[in-house]
N, C-alpha and C. Protein backbone atom coordinates (compact mmCIF):
# COMPACT_ATOMS: atom_id res chain seq x y z
N MET A 1 137.63 87.60 149.26
CA MET A 1 136.96 88.82 148.82
C MET A 1 137.58 89.24 147.48
N PRO A 2 136.76 89.57 146.50
CA PRO A 2 137.29 89.97 145.19
C PRO A 2 138.13 91.24 145.29
N LEU A 3 139.08 91.33 144.38
CA LEU A 3 140.00 92.47 144.36
C LEU A 3 139.24 93.79 144.21
N ASN A 4 138.21 93.79 143.40
CA ASN A 4 137.41 95.00 143.18
C ASN A 4 136.81 95.51 144.49
N ASP A 5 136.34 94.58 145.32
CA ASP A 5 135.76 94.98 146.61
C ASP A 5 136.84 95.55 147.54
N GLU A 6 138.04 94.96 147.51
CA GLU A 6 139.14 95.46 148.32
C GLU A 6 139.54 96.87 147.91
N VAL A 7 139.64 97.09 146.60
CA VAL A 7 140.01 98.41 146.09
C VAL A 7 138.94 99.43 146.48
N LYS A 8 137.69 99.06 146.35
CA LYS A 8 136.59 99.98 146.71
C LYS A 8 136.63 100.30 148.21
N LYS A 9 136.93 99.29 149.01
CA LYS A 9 137.01 99.49 150.47
C LYS A 9 138.13 100.47 150.82
N ILE A 10 139.28 100.30 150.16
CA ILE A 10 140.41 101.19 150.42
C ILE A 10 140.10 102.60 149.93
N ALA A 11 139.51 102.71 148.73
CA ALA A 11 139.25 104.01 148.13
C ALA A 11 138.18 104.79 148.88
N GLU A 12 137.42 104.14 149.72
CA GLU A 12 136.39 104.84 150.49
C GLU A 12 136.79 105.03 151.95
N SER A 13 138.07 104.84 152.26
CA SER A 13 138.52 104.96 153.64
C SER A 13 139.08 106.36 153.92
N LYS A 14 139.05 106.72 155.18
CA LYS A 14 139.56 108.03 155.59
C LYS A 14 141.05 108.20 155.31
N PRO A 15 141.88 107.18 155.54
CA PRO A 15 143.31 107.34 155.21
C PRO A 15 143.54 107.61 153.72
N PHE A 16 142.77 106.97 152.86
CA PHE A 16 142.90 107.21 151.42
C PHE A 16 142.60 108.67 151.11
N TYR A 17 141.51 109.18 151.67
CA TYR A 17 141.15 110.58 151.43
C TYR A 17 142.20 111.52 152.02
N ALA A 18 142.76 111.16 153.17
CA ALA A 18 143.79 112.00 153.78
C ALA A 18 145.02 112.07 152.88
N VAL A 19 145.41 110.95 152.30
CA VAL A 19 146.56 110.94 151.40
C VAL A 19 146.26 111.78 150.15
N ALA A 20 145.05 111.67 149.62
CA ALA A 20 144.67 112.49 148.47
C ALA A 20 144.70 113.97 148.84
N GLY A 21 144.25 114.31 150.04
CA GLY A 21 144.28 115.69 150.49
C GLY A 21 145.69 116.21 150.67
N VAL A 22 146.58 115.39 151.19
CA VAL A 22 147.99 115.78 151.35
C VAL A 22 148.61 116.01 149.98
N GLY A 23 148.31 115.15 149.04
CA GLY A 23 148.84 115.32 147.68
C GLY A 23 148.37 116.61 147.05
N ASP A 24 147.10 116.93 147.22
CA ASP A 24 146.56 118.17 146.67
C ASP A 24 147.21 119.38 147.33
N TYR A 25 147.42 119.31 148.63
CA TYR A 25 148.08 120.39 149.37
C TYR A 25 149.52 120.57 148.88
N ALA A 26 150.21 119.45 148.66
CA ALA A 26 151.60 119.51 148.19
C ALA A 26 151.67 120.17 146.81
N VAL A 27 150.74 119.83 145.94
CA VAL A 27 150.72 120.44 144.61
C VAL A 27 150.48 121.94 144.73
N GLU A 28 149.58 122.32 145.60
CA GLU A 28 149.29 123.75 145.82
C GLU A 28 150.55 124.49 146.27
N LYS A 29 151.27 123.91 147.22
CA LYS A 29 152.48 124.55 147.74
C LYS A 29 153.60 124.57 146.70
N LEU A 30 153.72 123.53 145.91
CA LEU A 30 154.75 123.51 144.87
C LEU A 30 154.51 124.59 143.82
N ARG A 31 153.27 124.89 143.57
CA ARG A 31 152.95 125.95 142.61
C ARG A 31 153.35 127.32 143.14
N GLU A 32 153.46 127.45 144.47
CA GLU A 32 153.85 128.73 145.07
C GLU A 32 155.37 128.91 145.12
N LEU A 33 156.14 127.86 144.87
CA LEU A 33 157.59 127.93 145.00
C LEU A 33 158.26 128.98 144.12
N PRO A 34 157.93 129.11 142.85
CA PRO A 34 158.61 130.13 142.04
C PRO A 34 158.48 131.54 142.63
N GLU A 35 157.30 131.86 143.11
CA GLU A 35 157.09 133.19 143.71
C GLU A 35 157.94 133.37 144.96
N GLN A 36 157.99 132.35 145.81
CA GLN A 36 158.80 132.42 147.02
C GLN A 36 160.28 132.52 146.68
N PHE A 37 160.72 131.81 145.68
CA PHE A 37 162.11 131.85 145.27
C PHE A 37 162.51 133.26 144.84
N HIS A 38 161.66 133.92 144.05
CA HIS A 38 161.95 135.29 143.62
C HIS A 38 161.97 136.25 144.80
N ARG A 39 161.08 136.03 145.76
CA ARG A 39 161.03 136.88 146.93
C ARG A 39 162.31 136.73 147.76
N LEU A 40 162.78 135.51 147.90
CA LEU A 40 164.01 135.28 148.67
C LEU A 40 165.23 135.83 147.94
N GLN A 41 165.25 135.74 146.64
CA GLN A 41 166.38 136.29 145.89
C GLN A 41 166.48 137.79 146.08
N SER A 42 165.35 138.45 146.19
CA SER A 42 165.37 139.90 146.37
C SER A 42 165.89 140.30 147.75
N ARG A 43 165.89 139.37 148.71
CA ARG A 43 166.37 139.67 150.06
C ARG A 43 167.81 139.22 150.28
N ARG A 44 168.50 138.86 149.22
CA ARG A 44 169.86 138.34 149.33
C ARG A 44 170.82 139.36 149.96
N THR A 45 170.74 140.63 149.58
CA THR A 45 171.66 141.64 150.12
C THR A 45 171.40 141.86 151.61
N GLU A 46 170.13 141.80 151.99
CA GLU A 46 169.77 141.95 153.40
C GLU A 46 170.38 140.81 154.23
N ALA A 47 170.37 139.62 153.70
CA ALA A 47 170.95 138.47 154.40
C ALA A 47 172.45 138.64 154.57
N GLY A 48 173.11 139.22 153.60
CA GLY A 48 174.55 139.45 153.70
C GLY A 48 174.89 140.39 154.83
N ALA A 49 174.09 141.44 155.01
CA ALA A 49 174.33 142.41 156.09
C ALA A 49 174.14 141.74 157.45
N VAL A 50 173.13 140.91 157.57
CA VAL A 50 172.87 140.21 158.83
C VAL A 50 174.01 139.24 159.13
N ALA A 51 174.51 138.58 158.10
CA ALA A 51 175.61 137.63 158.28
C ALA A 51 176.86 138.32 158.82
N ARG A 52 177.12 139.54 158.39
CA ARG A 52 178.30 140.27 158.88
C ARG A 52 178.16 140.61 160.36
N ASP A 53 176.93 140.80 160.83
CA ASP A 53 176.71 141.17 162.23
C ASP A 53 176.58 139.95 163.16
N LEU A 54 176.58 138.75 162.62
CA LEU A 54 176.36 137.56 163.43
C LEU A 54 177.38 137.37 164.57
N PRO A 55 178.67 137.53 164.36
CA PRO A 55 179.60 137.31 165.49
C PRO A 55 179.31 138.21 166.69
N THR A 56 178.99 139.46 166.43
CA THR A 56 178.68 140.39 167.52
C THR A 56 177.41 139.96 168.24
N MET A 57 176.41 139.60 167.46
CA MET A 57 175.14 139.17 168.06
C MET A 57 175.32 137.88 168.85
N ALA A 58 176.15 136.96 168.38
CA ALA A 58 176.37 135.69 169.07
C ALA A 58 177.01 135.91 170.43
N ARG A 59 177.98 136.79 170.51
CA ARG A 59 178.62 137.07 171.81
C ARG A 59 177.61 137.67 172.79
N LYS A 60 176.77 138.53 172.30
CA LYS A 60 175.77 139.18 173.15
C LYS A 60 174.77 138.16 173.73
N TYR A 61 174.33 137.25 172.88
CA TYR A 61 173.35 136.26 173.33
C TYR A 61 173.98 135.16 174.18
N ALA A 62 175.24 134.88 174.01
CA ALA A 62 175.89 133.80 174.75
C ALA A 62 175.83 134.02 176.25
N THR A 63 175.90 135.25 176.68
CA THR A 63 175.89 135.53 178.12
C THR A 63 174.51 135.28 178.74
N THR A 64 173.46 135.51 178.00
CA THR A 64 172.12 135.33 178.56
C THR A 64 171.55 133.93 178.34
N VAL A 65 172.13 133.17 177.44
CA VAL A 65 171.59 131.86 177.12
C VAL A 65 171.68 130.91 178.31
N GLN A 66 172.77 130.91 179.03
CA GLN A 66 172.94 129.96 180.11
C GLN A 66 171.89 130.15 181.20
N THR A 67 171.64 131.38 181.59
CA THR A 67 170.65 131.62 182.65
C THR A 67 169.24 131.26 182.17
N LYS A 68 168.94 131.55 180.91
CA LYS A 68 167.63 131.19 180.37
C LYS A 68 167.49 129.68 180.23
N ALA A 69 168.55 128.99 179.87
CA ALA A 69 168.51 127.54 179.70
C ALA A 69 168.21 126.85 181.02
N GLU A 70 168.78 127.33 182.11
CA GLU A 70 168.52 126.74 183.41
C GLU A 70 167.06 126.89 183.80
N ALA A 71 166.49 128.04 183.53
CA ALA A 71 165.08 128.27 183.85
C ALA A 71 164.17 127.37 183.01
N VAL A 72 164.50 127.23 181.76
CA VAL A 72 163.69 126.39 180.86
C VAL A 72 163.79 124.93 181.25
N ALA A 73 164.97 124.47 181.66
CA ALA A 73 165.17 123.07 182.03
C ALA A 73 164.30 122.65 183.21
N LYS A 74 164.06 123.57 184.13
CA LYS A 74 163.22 123.26 185.28
C LYS A 74 161.77 123.00 184.86
N ASP A 75 161.29 123.76 183.91
CA ASP A 75 159.90 123.65 183.47
C ASP A 75 159.71 122.67 182.31
N LEU A 76 160.77 122.06 181.85
CA LEU A 76 160.72 121.25 180.64
C LEU A 76 159.74 120.07 180.69
N PRO A 77 159.73 119.25 181.75
CA PRO A 77 158.80 118.11 181.73
C PRO A 77 157.33 118.53 181.61
N GLU A 78 156.96 119.56 182.34
CA GLU A 78 155.57 120.02 182.29
C GLU A 78 155.24 120.62 180.92
N LYS A 79 156.16 121.41 180.39
CA LYS A 79 155.95 122.01 179.07
C LYS A 79 155.92 120.94 177.98
N ALA A 80 156.76 119.93 178.12
CA ALA A 80 156.80 118.86 177.11
C ALA A 80 155.45 118.15 177.04
N LYS A 81 154.84 117.88 178.18
CA LYS A 81 153.53 117.23 178.20
C LYS A 81 152.49 118.13 177.54
N GLY A 82 152.53 119.40 177.84
CA GLY A 82 151.60 120.35 177.22
C GLY A 82 151.78 120.42 175.71
N TYR A 83 153.04 120.44 175.28
CA TYR A 83 153.32 120.46 173.84
C TYR A 83 152.83 119.18 173.16
N ALA A 84 153.04 118.05 173.84
CA ALA A 84 152.60 116.77 173.26
C ALA A 84 151.08 116.74 173.10
N ASP A 85 150.37 117.23 174.10
CA ASP A 85 148.90 117.28 174.01
C ASP A 85 148.45 118.20 172.89
N THR A 86 149.11 119.34 172.78
CA THR A 86 148.77 120.30 171.73
C THR A 86 149.04 119.71 170.35
N ILE A 87 150.19 119.06 170.21
CA ILE A 87 150.54 118.47 168.92
C ILE A 87 149.56 117.37 168.54
N THR A 88 149.15 116.56 169.51
CA THR A 88 148.19 115.50 169.24
C THR A 88 146.88 116.07 168.74
N ALA A 89 146.39 117.10 169.41
CA ALA A 89 145.14 117.73 168.99
C ALA A 89 145.26 118.34 167.60
N LYS A 90 146.38 119.02 167.34
CA LYS A 90 146.57 119.64 166.03
C LYS A 90 146.73 118.59 164.94
N ALA A 91 147.42 117.49 165.25
CA ALA A 91 147.60 116.43 164.26
C ALA A 91 146.26 115.79 163.90
N THR A 92 145.41 115.59 164.89
CA THR A 92 144.08 115.03 164.63
C THR A 92 143.26 115.98 163.77
N LEU A 93 143.31 117.25 164.09
CA LEU A 93 142.58 118.25 163.31
C LEU A 93 143.11 118.30 161.88
N LEU A 94 144.42 118.29 161.72
CA LEU A 94 145.03 118.33 160.40
C LEU A 94 144.68 117.09 159.58
N TYR A 95 144.67 115.93 160.23
CA TYR A 95 144.29 114.68 159.56
C TYR A 95 142.86 114.78 159.03
N ASP A 96 141.95 115.29 159.86
CA ASP A 96 140.57 115.46 159.43
C ASP A 96 140.45 116.45 158.27
N GLU A 97 141.21 117.54 158.33
CA GLU A 97 141.18 118.53 157.26
C GLU A 97 141.69 117.94 155.95
N PHE A 98 142.78 117.16 156.02
CA PHE A 98 143.30 116.53 154.80
C PHE A 98 142.32 115.50 154.26
N ALA A 99 141.65 114.76 155.14
CA ALA A 99 140.66 113.78 154.69
C ALA A 99 139.50 114.48 153.97
N ASN A 100 139.02 115.59 154.54
CA ASN A 100 137.93 116.34 153.88
C ASN A 100 138.39 116.90 152.54
N ARG A 101 139.59 117.44 152.52
CA ARG A 101 140.14 117.97 151.27
C ARG A 101 140.26 116.85 150.23
N GLY A 102 140.72 115.69 150.67
CA GLY A 102 140.85 114.54 149.77
C GLY A 102 139.51 114.08 149.23
N ARG A 103 138.49 114.08 150.08
CA ARG A 103 137.14 113.71 149.60
C ARG A 103 136.70 114.64 148.48
N LYS A 104 136.95 115.93 148.66
CA LYS A 104 136.56 116.90 147.63
C LYS A 104 137.34 116.66 146.34
N VAL A 105 138.64 116.41 146.46
CA VAL A 105 139.47 116.18 145.28
C VAL A 105 139.02 114.92 144.55
N VAL A 106 138.83 113.84 145.30
CA VAL A 106 138.41 112.57 144.69
C VAL A 106 137.04 112.73 144.05
N SER A 107 136.15 113.41 144.73
CA SER A 107 134.81 113.64 144.19
C SER A 107 134.87 114.44 142.89
N ARG A 108 135.70 115.50 142.90
CA ARG A 108 135.83 116.34 141.72
C ARG A 108 136.44 115.54 140.57
N VAL A 109 137.48 114.79 140.85
CA VAL A 109 138.17 114.03 139.81
C VAL A 109 137.29 112.91 139.27
N THR A 110 136.60 112.20 140.15
CA THR A 110 135.74 111.11 139.66
C THR A 110 134.55 111.67 138.90
N GLY A 111 134.07 112.84 139.29
CA GLY A 111 132.98 113.47 138.53
C GLY A 111 133.44 113.86 137.15
N GLU A 112 134.65 114.43 137.05
CA GLU A 112 135.21 114.79 135.74
C GLU A 112 135.45 113.55 134.90
N ALA A 113 135.92 112.49 135.54
CA ALA A 113 136.18 111.25 134.80
C ALA A 113 134.88 110.66 134.29
N ALA A 114 133.82 110.76 135.08
CA ALA A 114 132.53 110.24 134.64
C ALA A 114 132.03 111.03 133.44
N LEU A 115 132.19 112.36 133.47
CA LEU A 115 131.77 113.17 132.33
C LEU A 115 132.59 112.83 131.09
N GLU A 116 133.90 112.64 131.26
CA GLU A 116 134.75 112.27 130.12
C GLU A 116 134.34 110.91 129.58
N LEU A 117 134.00 109.98 130.46
CA LEU A 117 133.58 108.65 130.03
C LEU A 117 132.29 108.74 129.24
N GLU A 118 131.37 109.59 129.68
CA GLU A 118 130.12 109.79 128.93
C GLU A 118 130.42 110.33 127.53
N ASP A 119 131.30 111.32 127.46
CA ASP A 119 131.65 111.90 126.17
C ASP A 119 132.28 110.86 125.25
N VAL A 120 133.19 110.08 125.79
CA VAL A 120 133.86 109.05 124.99
C VAL A 120 132.87 108.01 124.53
N SER A 121 132.00 107.56 125.42
CA SER A 121 131.05 106.52 125.03
C SER A 121 130.03 107.05 124.03
N ALA A 122 129.65 108.32 124.16
CA ALA A 122 128.70 108.88 123.20
C ALA A 122 129.35 109.00 121.82
N SER A 123 130.61 109.36 121.77
CA SER A 123 131.27 109.49 120.48
C SER A 123 131.64 108.13 119.90
N ALA A 124 131.73 107.10 120.73
CA ALA A 124 132.10 105.78 120.25
C ALA A 124 130.90 104.99 119.74
N GLU A 125 129.68 105.40 120.09
CA GLU A 125 128.49 104.69 119.62
C GLU A 125 128.35 104.89 118.11
N PRO A 126 128.05 103.79 117.39
CA PRO A 126 127.87 103.93 115.94
C PRO A 126 126.61 104.72 115.65
N ALA A 127 126.70 105.52 114.63
CA ALA A 127 125.54 106.32 114.25
C ALA A 127 124.50 105.41 113.64
N ILE A 128 123.27 105.60 114.02
CA ILE A 128 122.19 104.80 113.48
C ILE A 128 121.79 105.42 112.14
N ALA A 129 122.00 104.64 111.07
CA ALA A 129 121.69 105.14 109.74
C ALA A 129 120.18 105.10 109.52
N ALA A 130 119.70 106.09 108.87
CA ALA A 130 118.27 106.13 108.58
C ALA A 130 117.98 105.09 107.50
N ARG A 131 117.19 104.06 107.86
CA ARG A 131 116.82 103.02 106.91
C ARG A 131 115.35 103.21 106.54
N PRO A 132 115.07 102.91 105.33
CA PRO A 132 113.65 103.01 104.96
C PRO A 132 112.86 101.97 105.74
N ALA A 133 111.70 102.35 106.13
CA ALA A 133 110.86 101.46 106.90
C ALA A 133 110.31 100.37 105.99
N THR A 134 110.53 99.13 106.36
CA THR A 134 109.98 98.01 105.59
C THR A 134 108.95 97.33 106.46
N PRO A 135 107.87 96.96 105.85
CA PRO A 135 106.82 96.31 106.65
C PRO A 135 107.30 94.95 107.15
N ARG A 136 106.97 94.64 108.35
CA ARG A 136 107.35 93.37 108.95
C ARG A 136 106.28 92.35 108.66
N LYS A 137 106.73 91.15 108.51
CA LYS A 137 105.77 90.05 108.32
C LYS A 137 105.29 89.62 109.69
N SER A 138 104.05 89.36 109.82
CA SER A 138 103.47 88.95 111.08
C SER A 138 103.77 87.48 111.31
N THR A 139 104.16 87.17 112.52
CA THR A 139 104.45 85.77 112.86
C THR A 139 103.46 85.27 113.90
N ARG A 140 102.39 86.02 114.09
CA ARG A 140 101.40 85.60 115.07
C ARG A 140 100.60 84.42 114.55
N THR A 141 100.17 83.63 115.46
CA THR A 141 99.33 82.50 115.07
C THR A 141 97.95 82.71 115.64
N THR A 142 96.99 82.21 114.96
CA THR A 142 95.61 82.30 115.46
C THR A 142 95.35 81.09 116.30
N GLY A 143 94.21 81.05 116.90
CA GLY A 143 93.87 79.95 117.78
C GLY A 143 93.87 78.62 117.06
N ALA A 144 93.71 78.56 115.72
CA ALA A 144 93.66 77.30 115.00
C ALA A 144 95.05 76.81 114.63
N GLY A 145 96.09 77.59 114.95
CA GLY A 145 97.44 77.18 114.68
C GLY A 145 97.93 77.61 113.31
N THR A 146 97.20 78.46 112.61
CA THR A 146 97.63 78.96 111.31
C THR A 146 98.10 80.39 111.45
N LYS A 147 98.94 80.78 110.50
CA LYS A 147 99.44 82.15 110.56
C LYS A 147 98.41 83.11 110.05
N ALA A 148 98.38 84.29 110.65
CA ALA A 148 97.40 85.27 110.24
C ALA A 148 97.80 85.96 108.98
């Protein structure tokens, strides 16, 4: 199979679109980082106050953790199965969402590339210079084999 057909097959697959969608999502989230960084910097003093109270809070929670852990351990196998089913369903949904997002991104980008290609090809075509019209000589032959 020619390489071009292989590339086209890959580029039209759901995993390809999902990867494109994940990339677009990552870019979106990276653009939000500066704002989040400034927001977290403004909460720095609040974090210091919480850090000072941590030893007291840890002692308080230590007494209740053991009894809660025993209760959770009994229900763990059943809850684990439920969590696994939920995660599977959410992962499938997320995969489909990323694939749809990727289709839109690829469609948008290829449409823009096609428009750019049209612009480039139109500007690369040589201009047709206006030439004076010269009469053409007829090369038709008549039935007797002579030129008209």
